[in-house]
Amino acid sequence: MAIFPTLRRGSDAVSPTAHYTGQVWVRNGLSHPELATWEGRVLFDALRPAMTASHAVGGATLEGLLLARHRVIDRLLEEAIEDGSVSQVIEAACGMSPRGWRFAERYGSAIAYVEADLPQMARRKREALERIGSLGERHRVEEVDLLRDEGPGSLAALAARLDPGGGVALITEGLLTYFDDADVRAMWRRFADALAGFPRGRYFADFRLAGASGTTDRVFGAVLSAFVRGAVHTHFADEDEAVAALRDAGFSDARIHRCDSHPAAGEVRRDPGSSRVHIIDAAVG
């Protein structure tokens, strides 16, 4: 019997991780119930025995990884908004992330928050946020394809509709693992170009280093691959190589944060899953 139930897939199908992470955030008090899906509940329940067994022997869990990365990105975005460098946010490949809802509630008219994804996910997210009552002039959902260089539906076109006088933060949480190094480098160039048109641009994202190659890491990678029903990718041998790639792409400054040592991760730092994920904090301008 398969560990993971079969969900309908298509060229614009929602990844199982979008459903699963949505359920994790709701379970941990980070999200609104409207942002949970029946698929997420099914996937979470299907994976629970394996994750419980891993936790019991001190192993990594997907929940630990997901919570750690989400909390650290939250903290970095909070700091960028509160120090005045960012007044606009694009959360691309947003999935069922609750961040737009929470930050729109918290900061109100102080920020403009744009959630963006491929058409099917964008439509589902828009409907959920409409039920919550969150959407308005300062919080909206748009369609975007991050593999497009320009034209309708590209990040460049979306960024061109923002206020050129305000700083922008771009977030891609859970995205890079689906792409190899060449695709990631190409996306980073697009991201740096899009942010270059603003007085301050920040980029926050998660990734897994390729340098971690022990048995535990290989097993964890195999679980992730089975979960998404496709290849998942790690990137770069170490943090220095990742920073160099970001600079080559056009970012003027870049830092890498370890989730298992960042205070924002809280108690999930003790979950070995948090050591499998690093957070990018890069800037343009």
C-alpha atoms as a PDB file:
ATOM      1  CA  MET A   1       0.000   0.000   0.000  1.00  0.00           C
ATOM      2  CA  ALA A   2       1.293   3.451  -0.877  1.00  0.00           C
ATOM      3  CA  ILE A   3       2.157   5.759   1.995  1.00  0.00           C
ATOM      4  CA  PHE A   4       0.697   8.768   0.256  1.00  0.00           C
ATOM      5  CA  PRO A   5      -2.812   8.852  -1.243  1.00  0.00           C
ATOM      6  CA  THR A   6      -3.147   9.697  -4.910  1.00  0.00           C
ATOM      7  CA  LEU A   7      -4.292  13.208  -5.738  1.00  0.00           C
ATOM      8  CA  ARG A   8      -5.229  14.375  -9.209  1.00  0.00           C
ATOM      9  CA  ARG A   9      -2.254  15.977 -10.910  1.00  0.00           C
ATOM     10  CA  GLY A  10      -1.992  18.126 -14.030  1.00  0.00           C
ATOM     11  CA  SER A  11       0.243  20.771 -15.581  1.00  0.00           C
ATOM     12  CA  ASP A  12      -1.152  23.325 -13.148  1.00  0.00           C
ATOM     13  CA  ALA A  13      -2.029  20.959 -10.311  1.00  0.00           C
ATOM     14  CA  VAL A  14      -1.391  22.017  -6.750  1.00  0.00           C
ATOM     15  CA  SER A  15       1.580  20.197  -5.266  1.00  0.00           C
ATOM     16  CA  PRO A  16       0.828  17.887  -2.337  1.00  0.00           C
ATOM     17  CA  THR A  17       3.183  20.027  -0.267  1.00  0.00           C
ATOM     18  CA  ALA A  18       0.872  23.034  -0.652  1.00  0.00           C
ATOM     19  CA  HIS A  19      -1.946  21.036   0.930  1.00  0.00           C
ATOM     20  CA  TYR A  20       0.225  19.416   3.585  1.00  0.00           C
ATOM     21  CA  THR A  21       1.888  22.666   4.669  1.00  0.00           C
ATOM     22  CA  GLY A  22      -1.507  24.333   4.854  1.00  0.00           C
ATOM     23  CA  GLN A  23      -2.607  21.679   7.342  1.00  0.00           C
ATOM     24  CA  VAL A  24       0.623  22.008   9.352  1.00  0.00           C
ATOM     25  CA  TRP A  25       0.137  25.763   9.711  1.00  0.00           C
ATOM     26  CA  VAL A  26      -3.498  25.392  10.797  1.00  0.00           C
ATOM     27  CA  ARG A  27      -2.603  22.684  13.343  1.00  0.00           C
ATOM     28  CA  ASN A  28       0.063  24.924  14.859  1.00  0.00           C
ATOM     29  CA  GLY A  29      -2.041  28.058  15.189  1.00  0.00           C
ATOM     30  CA  LEU A  30      -0.381  29.948  12.337  1.00  0.00           C
ATOM     31  CA  SER A  31      -3.267  29.897   9.880  1.00  0.00           C
ATOM     32  CA  HIS A  32      -6.993  30.361   9.350  1.00  0.00           C
ATOM     33  CA  PRO A  33      -9.177  27.232   8.998  1.00  0.00           C
ATOM     34  CA  GLU A  34     -10.301  28.435   5.552  1.00  0.00           C
ATOM     35  CA  LEU A  35      -6.727  27.947   4.338  1.00  0.00           C
ATOM     36  CA  ALA A  36      -6.802  24.249   5.176  1.00  0.00           C
ATOM     37  CA  THR A  37      -7.961  21.752   2.540  1.00  0.00           C
ATOM     38  CA  TRP A  38      -9.431  18.268   2.657  1.00  0.00           C
ATOM     39  CA  GLU A  39      -6.397  17.089   0.676  1.00  0.00           C
ATOM     40  CA  GLY A  40      -4.132  18.501   3.360  1.00  0.00           C
ATOM     41  CA  ARG A  41      -5.985  16.673   6.099  1.00  0.00           C
ATOM     42  CA  VAL A  42      -5.794  13.390   4.160  1.00  0.00           C
ATOM     43  CA  LEU A  43      -2.069  13.799   3.498  1.00  0.00           C
ATOM     44  CA  PHE A  44      -1.283  14.799   7.063  1.00  0.00           C
ATOM     45  CA  ASP A  45      -3.122  11.797   8.480  1.00  0.00           C
ATOM     46  CA  ALA A  46      -1.447   9.478   5.960  1.00  0.00           C
ATOM     47  CA  LEU A  47       2.009  10.711   6.895  1.00  0.00           C
ATOM     48  CA  ARG A  48       1.423  10.922  10.648  1.00  0.00           C
ATOM     49  CA  PRO A  49       2.533   7.318  11.517  1.00  0.00           C
ATOM     50  CA  ALA A  50       5.851   7.717   9.674  1.00  0.00           C
ATOM     51  CA  MET A  51       6.534  11.115  11.239  1.00  0.00           C
ATOM     52  CA  THR A  52       5.571   9.887  14.716  1.00  0.00           C
ATOM     53  CA  ALA A  53       7.959   6.947  14.361  1.00  0.00           C
ATOM     54  CA  SER A  54      10.778   9.218  13.172  1.00  0.00           C
ATOM     55  CA  HIS A  55      10.216  11.633  16.045  1.00  0.00           C
ATOM     56  CA  ALA A  56      10.202   8.774  18.562  1.00  0.00           C
ATOM     57  CA  VAL A  57      13.736   7.756  17.605  1.00  0.00           C
ATOM     58  CA  GLY A  58      15.037  11.330  17.406  1.00  0.00           C
ATOM     59  CA  GLY A  59      14.694  11.625  13.641  1.00  0.00           C
ATOM     60  CA  ALA A  60      13.649  14.505  11.439  1.00  0.00           C
ATOM     61  CA  THR A  61      10.027  15.357  10.672  1.00  0.00           C
ATOM     62  CA  LEU A  62       8.508  17.329   7.833  1.00  0.00           C
ATOM     63  CA  GLU A  63       6.487  19.319  10.355  1.00  0.00           C
ATOM     64  CA  GLY A  64       9.676  20.449  12.090  1.00  0.00           C
ATOM     65  CA  LEU A  65      11.244  21.512   8.799  1.00  0.00           C
ATOM     66  CA  LEU A  66       8.140  23.396   7.653  1.00  0.00           C
ATOM     67  CA  LEU A  67       7.556  25.225  10.925  1.00  0.00           C
ATOM     68  CA  ALA A  68      11.202  26.234  11.270  1.00  0.00           C
ATOM     69  CA  ARG A  69      11.467  27.738   7.814  1.00  0.00           C
ATOM     70  CA  HIS A  70       8.106  29.519   8.089  1.00  0.00           C
ATOM     71  CA  ARG A  71       8.894  31.109  11.445  1.00  0.00           C
ATOM     72  CA  VAL A  72      12.353  32.302  10.398  1.00  0.00           C
ATOM     73  CA  ILE A  73      11.038  33.870   7.192  1.00  0.00           C
ATOM     74  CA  ASP A  74       8.284  35.535   9.235  1.00  0.00           C
ATOM     75  CA  ARG A  75      10.878  37.077  11.550  1.00  0.00           C
ATOM     76  CA  LEU A  76      13.033  38.366   8.684  1.00  0.00           C
ATOM     77  CA  LEU A  77      10.006  39.930   7.002  1.00  0.00           C
ATOM     78  CA  GLU A  78       8.840  41.501  10.261  1.00  0.00           C
ATOM     79  CA  GLU A  79      12.252  43.110  10.731  1.00  0.00           C
ATOM     80  CA  ALA A  80      12.309  44.448   7.159  1.00  0.00           C
ATOM     81  CA  ILE A  81       8.849  46.000   7.539  1.00  0.00           C
ATOM     82  CA  GLU A  82       9.510  47.453  10.966  1.00  0.00           C
ATOM     83  CA  ASP A  83      12.854  49.028  10.029  1.00  0.00           C
ATOM     84  CA  GLY A  84      11.101  50.815   7.157  1.00  0.00           C
ATOM     85  CA  SER A  85      12.997  49.177   4.297  1.00  0.00           C
ATOM     86  CA  VAL A  86       9.950  47.247   3.004  1.00  0.00           C
ATOM     87  CA  SER A  87       6.393  48.471   2.446  1.00  0.00           C
ATOM     88  CA  GLN A  88       5.366  45.989  -0.280  1.00  0.00           C
ATOM     89  CA  VAL A  89       5.507  42.190  -0.296  1.00  0.00           C
ATOM     90  CA  ILE A  90       5.242  39.674  -3.116  1.00  0.00           C
ATOM     91  CA  GLU A  91       4.818  36.110  -1.872  1.00  0.00           C
ATOM     92  CA  ALA A  92       5.291  34.088  -5.054  1.00  0.00           C
ATOM     93  CA  ALA A  93       4.364  30.400  -5.283  1.00  0.00           C
ATOM     94  CA  CYS A  94       2.265  31.257  -2.223  1.00  0.00           C
ATOM     95  CA  GLY A  95       0.272  28.036  -2.039  1.00  0.00           C
ATOM     96  CA  MET A  96      -1.917  28.009   1.062  1.00  0.00           C
ATOM     97  CA  SER A  97       0.513  30.111   3.076  1.00  0.00           C
ATOM     98  CA  PRO A  98      -1.219  32.109   5.822  1.00  0.00           C
ATOM     99  CA  ARG A  99       1.453  34.814   5.820  1.00  0.00           C
ATOM    100  CA  GLY A 100      -0.454  37.258   3.620  1.00  0.00           C
ATOM    101  CA  TRP A 101      -3.555  37.021   5.813  1.00  0.00           C
ATOM    102  CA  ARG A 102      -1.565  37.380   9.037  1.00  0.00           C
ATOM    103  CA  PHE A 103       0.605  40.267   7.854  1.00  0.00           C
ATOM    104  CA  ALA A 104      -2.330  42.116   6.287  1.00  0.00           C
ATOM    105  CA  GLU A 105      -4.143  41.811   9.617  1.00  0.00           C
ATOM    106  CA  ARG A 106      -1.112  42.913  11.596  1.00  0.00           C
ATOM    107  CA  TYR A 107       0.223  45.799   9.502  1.00  0.00           C
ATOM    108  CA  GLY A 108      -2.917  47.036   7.726  1.00  0.00           C
ATOM    109  CA  SER A 109      -2.323  50.037   5.488  1.00  0.00           C
ATOM    110  CA  ALA A 110       1.401  50.110   6.330  1.00  0.00           C
ATOM    111  CA  ILE A 111       2.047  47.435   3.681  1.00  0.00           C
ATOM    112  CA  ALA A 112       0.689  46.166   0.389  1.00  0.00           C
ATOM    113  CA  TYR A 113       0.714  42.358   0.189  1.00  0.00           C
ATOM    114  CA  VAL A 114       0.497  40.505  -3.141  1.00  0.00           C
ATOM    115  CA  GLU A 115       0.147  36.733  -3.161  1.00  0.00           C
ATOM    116  CA  ALA A 116       0.964  35.088  -6.478  1.00  0.00           C
ATOM    117  CA  ASP A 117       0.878  31.599  -7.951  1.00  0.00           C
ATOM    118  CA  LEU A 118      -0.062  29.630 -11.057  1.00  0.00           C
ATOM    119  CA  PRO A 119      -3.706  30.034 -12.149  1.00  0.00           C
ATOM    120  CA  GLN A 120      -5.290  27.028 -10.390  1.00  0.00           C
ATOM    121  CA  MET A 121      -3.614  27.735  -7.061  1.00  0.00           C
ATOM    122  CA  ALA A 122      -4.188  31.493  -7.360  1.00  0.00           C
ATOM    123  CA  ARG A 123      -7.890  30.915  -7.928  1.00  0.00           C
ATOM    124  CA  ARG A 124      -8.207  28.578  -4.955  1.00  0.00           C
ATOM    125  CA  LYS A 125      -6.249  30.945  -2.716  1.00  0.00           C
ATOM    126  CA  ARG A 126      -8.308  33.945  -3.810  1.00  0.00           C
ATOM    127  CA  GLU A 127     -11.555  32.119  -3.018  1.00  0.00           C
ATOM    128  CA  ALA A 128     -10.306  31.167   0.468  1.00  0.00           C
ATOM    129  CA  LEU A 129      -9.179  34.714   1.249  1.00  0.00           C
ATOM    130  CA  GLU A 130     -12.500  36.089  -0.005  1.00  0.00           C
ATOM    131  CA  ARG A 131     -14.300  33.825   2.479  1.00  0.00           C
ATOM    132  CA  ILE A 132     -12.025  35.139   5.233  1.00  0.00           C
ATOM    133  CA  GLY A 133     -12.653  38.724   4.127  1.00  0.00           C
ATOM    134  CA  SER A 134      -8.972  39.597   3.844  1.00  0.00           C
ATOM    135  CA  LEU A 135      -8.754  40.832   0.266  1.00  0.00           C
ATOM    136  CA  GLY A 136      -8.847  44.497  -0.616  1.00  0.00           C
ATOM    137  CA  GLU A 137      -6.762  47.320  -1.998  1.00  0.00           C
ATOM    138  CA  ARG A 138      -3.763  46.344   0.168  1.00  0.00           C
ATOM    139  CA  HIS A 139      -4.037  42.559  -0.111  1.00  0.00           C
ATOM    140  CA  ARG A 140      -4.630  40.755  -3.398  1.00  0.00           C
ATOM    141  CA  VAL A 141      -3.877  37.555  -5.306  1.00  0.00           C
ATOM    142  CA  GLU A 142      -2.429  37.517  -8.817  1.00  0.00           C
ATOM    143  CA  GLU A 143      -1.316  34.899 -11.320  1.00  0.00           C
ATOM    144  CA  VAL A 144       2.404  34.551 -11.987  1.00  0.00           C
ATOM    145  CA  ASP A 145       4.752  32.077 -13.653  1.00  0.00           C
ATOM    146  CA  LEU A 146       8.234  32.475 -12.195  1.00  0.00           C
ATOM    147  CA  LEU A 147       9.807  30.774 -15.229  1.00  0.00           C
ATOM    148  CA  ARG A 148       8.730  33.615 -17.540  1.00  0.00           C
ATOM    149  CA  ASP A 149      11.297  36.311 -18.251  1.00  0.00           C
ATOM    150  CA  GLU A 150       8.783  38.985 -19.222  1.00  0.00           C
ATOM    151  CA  GLY A 151       5.287  39.673 -20.494  1.00  0.00           C
ATOM    152  CA  PRO A 152       1.878  38.999 -18.938  1.00  0.00           C
ATOM    153  CA  GLY A 153       2.036  36.646 -15.992  1.00  0.00           C
ATOM    154  CA  SER A 154       5.737  37.258 -15.341  1.00  0.00           C
ATOM    155  CA  LEU A 155       7.259  38.518 -12.110  1.00  0.00           C
ATOM    156  CA  ALA A 156       8.608  41.518 -14.026  1.00  0.00           C
ATOM    157  CA  ALA A 157       5.088  42.494 -15.091  1.00  0.00           C
ATOM    158  CA  LEU A 158       3.749  42.072 -11.568  1.00  0.00           C
ATOM    159  CA  ALA A 159       6.573  44.156 -10.066  1.00  0.00           C
ATOM    160  CA  ALA A 160       5.944  46.907 -12.616  1.00  0.00           C
ATOM    161  CA  ARG A 161       2.490  47.447 -11.092  1.00  0.00           C
ATOM    162  CA  LEU A 162       3.886  48.166  -7.623  1.00  0.00           C
ATOM    163  CA  ASP A 163       4.797  51.559  -6.189  1.00  0.00           C
ATOM    164  CA  PRO A 164       8.333  52.316  -7.452  1.00  0.00           C
ATOM    165  CA  GLY A 165       8.989  54.466  -4.393  1.00  0.00           C
ATOM    166  CA  GLY A 166       8.506  51.711  -1.801  1.00  0.00           C
ATOM    167  CA  GLY A 167      10.802  48.874  -0.813  1.00  0.00           C
ATOM    168  CA  VAL A 168       9.772  45.360  -1.838  1.00  0.00           C
ATOM    169  CA  ALA A 169      10.275  41.959  -0.228  1.00  0.00           C
ATOM    170  CA  LEU A 170       9.987  38.878  -2.453  1.00  0.00           C
ATOM    171  CA  ILE A 171       9.297  35.554  -0.728  1.00  0.00           C
ATOM    172  CA  THR A 172       9.449  32.095  -2.294  1.00  0.00           C
ATOM    173  CA  GLU A 173       8.867  29.514   0.426  1.00  0.00           C
ATOM    174  CA  GLY A 174       9.058  25.849  -0.536  1.00  0.00           C
ATOM    175  CA  LEU A 175       9.814  26.590  -4.195  1.00  0.00           C
ATOM    176  CA  LEU A 176      13.504  25.974  -4.867  1.00  0.00           C
ATOM    177  CA  THR A 177      13.453  22.281  -3.985  1.00  0.00           C
ATOM    178  CA  TYR A 178      11.530  21.592  -7.216  1.00  0.00           C
ATOM    179  CA  PHE A 179      14.273  22.992  -9.473  1.00  0.00           C
ATOM    180  CA  ASP A 180      17.877  22.151 -10.285  1.00  0.00           C
ATOM    181  CA  ASP A 181      20.778  24.577  -9.898  1.00  0.00           C
ATOM    182  CA  ALA A 182      20.525  25.965 -13.434  1.00  0.00           C
ATOM    183  CA  ASP A 183      16.840  26.807 -13.031  1.00  0.00           C
ATOM    184  CA  VAL A 184      17.460  28.287  -9.580  1.00  0.00           C
ATOM    185  CA  ARG A 185      20.249  30.526 -10.866  1.00  0.00           C
ATOM    186  CA  ALA A 186      18.018  31.695 -13.739  1.00  0.00           C
ATOM    187  CA  MET A 187      15.164  32.470 -11.340  1.00  0.00           C
ATOM    188  CA  TRP A 188      17.506  34.373  -9.044  1.00  0.00           C
ATOM    189  CA  ARG A 189      18.543  36.578 -11.966  1.00  0.00           C
ATOM    190  CA  ARG A 190      14.884  37.316 -12.701  1.00  0.00           C
ATOM    191  CA  PHE A 191      14.252  38.051  -9.034  1.00  0.00           C
ATOM    192  CA  ALA A 192      17.230  40.416  -8.715  1.00  0.00           C
ATOM    193  CA  ASP A 193      16.228  42.219 -11.916  1.00  0.00           C
ATOM    194  CA  ALA A 194      12.642  42.650 -10.685  1.00  0.00           C
ATOM    195  CA  LEU A 195      13.781  44.016  -7.319  1.00  0.00           C
ATOM    196  CA  ALA A 196      16.362  46.352  -8.829  1.00  0.00           C
ATOM    197  CA  GLY A 197      13.638  48.836  -9.793  1.00  0.00           C
ATOM    198  CA  PHE A 198      12.920  49.705  -6.155  1.00  0.00           C
ATOM    199  CA  PRO A 199      14.868  51.704  -3.573  1.00  0.00           C
ATOM    200  CA  ARG A 200      15.306  48.542  -1.520  1.00  0.00           C
ATOM    201  CA  GLY A 201      14.665  44.939  -2.479  1.00  0.00           C
ATOM    202  CA  ARG A 202      14.813  41.924  -0.167  1.00  0.00           C
ATOM    203  CA  TYR A 203      14.543  38.254  -1.052  1.00  0.00           C
ATOM    204  CA  PHE A 204      13.663  35.548   1.482  1.00  0.00           C
ATOM    205  CA  ALA A 205      13.557  31.852   0.587  1.00  0.00           C
ATOM    206  CA  ASP A 206      14.411  28.406   1.888  1.00  0.00           C
ATOM    207  CA  PHE A 207      16.684  25.761   0.381  1.00  0.00           C
ATOM    208  CA  ARG A 208      18.527  22.600   1.356  1.00  0.00           C
ATOM    209  CA  LEU A 209      22.286  22.365   0.972  1.00  0.00           C
ATOM    210  CA  ALA A 210      23.656  19.591  -1.230  1.00  0.00           C
ATOM    211  CA  GLY A 211      26.637  19.247   1.101  1.00  0.00           C
ATOM    212  CA  ALA A 212      24.568  17.312   3.660  1.00  0.00           C
ATOM    213  CA  SER A 213      24.945  13.738   2.422  1.00  0.00           C
ATOM    214  CA  GLY A 214      24.755  11.423   5.423  1.00  0.00           C
ATOM    215  CA  THR A 215      22.435   8.433   5.621  1.00  0.00           C
ATOM    216  CA  THR A 216      19.778  10.402   7.503  1.00  0.00           C
ATOM    217  CA  ASP A 217      19.821  13.135   4.865  1.00  0.00           C
ATOM    218  CA  ARG A 218      19.496  10.605   2.028  1.00  0.00           C
ATOM    219  CA  VAL A 219      16.536   8.940   3.739  1.00  0.00           C
ATOM    220  CA  PHE A 220      14.897  12.287   4.410  1.00  0.00           C
ATOM    221  CA  GLY A 221      15.395  13.279   0.758  1.00  0.00           C
ATOM    222  CA  ALA A 222      13.812  10.002  -0.360  1.00  0.00           C
ATOM    223  CA  VAL A 223      10.771  10.708   1.847  1.00  0.00           C
ATOM    224  CA  LEU A 224      10.438  14.190   0.340  1.00  0.00           C
ATOM    225  CA  SER A 225      10.698  12.797  -3.194  1.00  0.00           C
ATOM    226  CA  ALA A 226       7.977  10.235  -2.462  1.00  0.00           C
ATOM    227  CA  PHE A 227       5.835  12.954  -0.929  1.00  0.00           C
ATOM    228  CA  VAL A 228       5.937  15.275  -3.962  1.00  0.00           C
ATOM    229  CA  ARG A 229       5.978  12.339  -6.425  1.00  0.00           C
ATOM    230  CA  GLY A 230       8.984  13.687  -8.258  1.00  0.00           C
ATOM    231  CA  ALA A 231      12.572  14.769  -7.882  1.00  0.00           C
ATOM    232  CA  VAL A 232      13.474  17.169  -5.106  1.00  0.00           C
ATOM    233  CA  HIS A 233      16.706  19.088  -5.281  1.00  0.00           C
ATOM    234  CA  THR A 234      19.397  20.242  -2.912  1.00  0.00           C
ATOM    235  CA  HIS A 235      21.608  23.143  -3.920  1.00  0.00           C
ATOM    236  CA  PHE A 236      25.274  24.131  -3.555  1.00  0.00           C
ATOM    237  CA  ALA A 237      27.989  22.483  -1.527  1.00  0.00           C
ATOM    238  CA  ASP A 238      27.977  25.013   1.305  1.00  0.00           C
ATOM    239  CA  GLU A 239      26.710  28.416   2.395  1.00  0.00           C
ATOM    240  CA  ASP A 240      29.583  30.301   0.741  1.00  0.00           C
ATOM    241  CA  GLU A 241      28.747  28.788  -2.646  1.00  0.00           C
ATOM    242  CA  ALA A 242      25.093  29.757  -2.246  1.00  0.00           C
ATOM    243  CA  VAL A 243      26.016  33.341  -1.343  1.00  0.00           C
ATOM    244  CA  ALA A 244      28.345  33.540  -4.357  1.00  0.00           C
ATOM    245  CA  ALA A 245      25.544  32.325  -6.648  1.00  0.00           C
ATOM    246  CA  LEU A 246      23.187  34.977  -5.279  1.00  0.00           C
ATOM    247  CA  ARG A 247      25.778  37.691  -5.871  1.00  0.00           C
ATOM    248  CA  ASP A 248      26.407  36.400  -9.400  1.00  0.00           C
ATOM    249  CA  ALA A 249      22.655  36.653 -10.005  1.00  0.00           C
ATOM    250  CA  GLY A 250      22.676  40.363  -9.151  1.00  0.00           C
ATOM    251  CA  PHE A 251      22.066  40.582  -5.409  1.00  0.00           C
ATOM    252  CA  SER A 252      24.308  43.125  -3.711  1.00  0.00           C
ATOM    253  CA  ASP A 253      24.262  41.380  -0.361  1.00  0.00           C
ATOM    254  CA  ALA A 254      23.316  37.901   0.821  1.00  0.00           C
ATOM    255  CA  ARG A 255      23.309  35.955   4.070  1.00  0.00           C
ATOM    256  CA  ILE A 256      22.280  32.412   4.904  1.00  0.00           C
ATOM    257  CA  HIS A 257      20.505  31.586   8.170  1.00  0.00           C
ATOM    258  CA  ARG A 258      20.501  28.119   9.715  1.00  0.00           C
ATOM    259  CA  CYS A 259      17.021  27.281  10.958  1.00  0.00           C
ATOM    260  CA  ASP A 260      18.318  25.012  13.717  1.00  0.00           C
ATOM    261  CA  SER A 261      20.190  27.921  15.298  1.00  0.00           C
ATOM    262  CA  HIS A 262      17.869  30.847  14.595  1.00  0.00           C
ATOM    263  CA  PRO A 263      15.886  31.944  17.671  1.00  0.00           C
ATOM    264  CA  ALA A 264      12.747  32.581  15.605  1.00  0.00           C
ATOM    265  CA  ALA A 265      12.404  28.839  14.975  1.00  0.00           C
ATOM    266  CA  GLY A 266      11.584  28.389  18.659  1.00  0.00           C
ATOM    267  CA  GLU A 267      11.199  24.905  20.070  1.00  0.00           C
ATOM    268  CA  VAL A 268      11.253  23.224  16.637  1.00  0.00           C
ATOM    269  CA  ARG A 269      15.005  23.916  16.524  1.00  0.00           C
ATOM    270  CA  ARG A 270      15.244  20.638  18.480  1.00  0.00           C
ATOM    271  CA  ASP A 271      13.659  18.733  15.581  1.00  0.00           C
ATOM    272  CA  PRO A 272      16.434  17.479  13.259  1.00  0.00           C
ATOM    273  CA  GLY A 273      14.189  18.512  10.360  1.00  0.00           C
ATOM    274  CA  SER A 274      15.085  22.132  11.100  1.00  0.00           C
ATOM    275  CA  SER A 275      18.757  21.381  10.397  1.00  0.00           C
ATOM    276  CA  ARG A 276      17.824  20.299   6.854  1.00  0.00           C
ATOM    277  CA  VAL A 277      16.723  23.776   5.799  1.00  0.00           C
ATOM    278  CA  HIS A 278      18.522  27.110   5.397  1.00  0.00           C
ATOM    279  CA  ILE A 279      17.001  30.539   4.798  1.00  0.00           C
ATOM    280  CA  ILE A 280      18.211  33.043   2.214  1.00  0.00           C
ATOM    281  CA  ASP A 281      18.276  36.717   3.169  1.00  0.00           C
ATOM    282  CA  ALA A 282      19.439  38.644   0.099  1.00  0.00           C
ATOM    283  CA  ALA A 283      19.207  42.294  -0.879  1.00  0.00           C
ATOM    284  CA  VAL A 284      19.320  44.542  -3.920  1.00  0.00           C
ATOM    285  CA  GLY A 285      19.982  48.270  -3.595  1.00  0.00           C
END
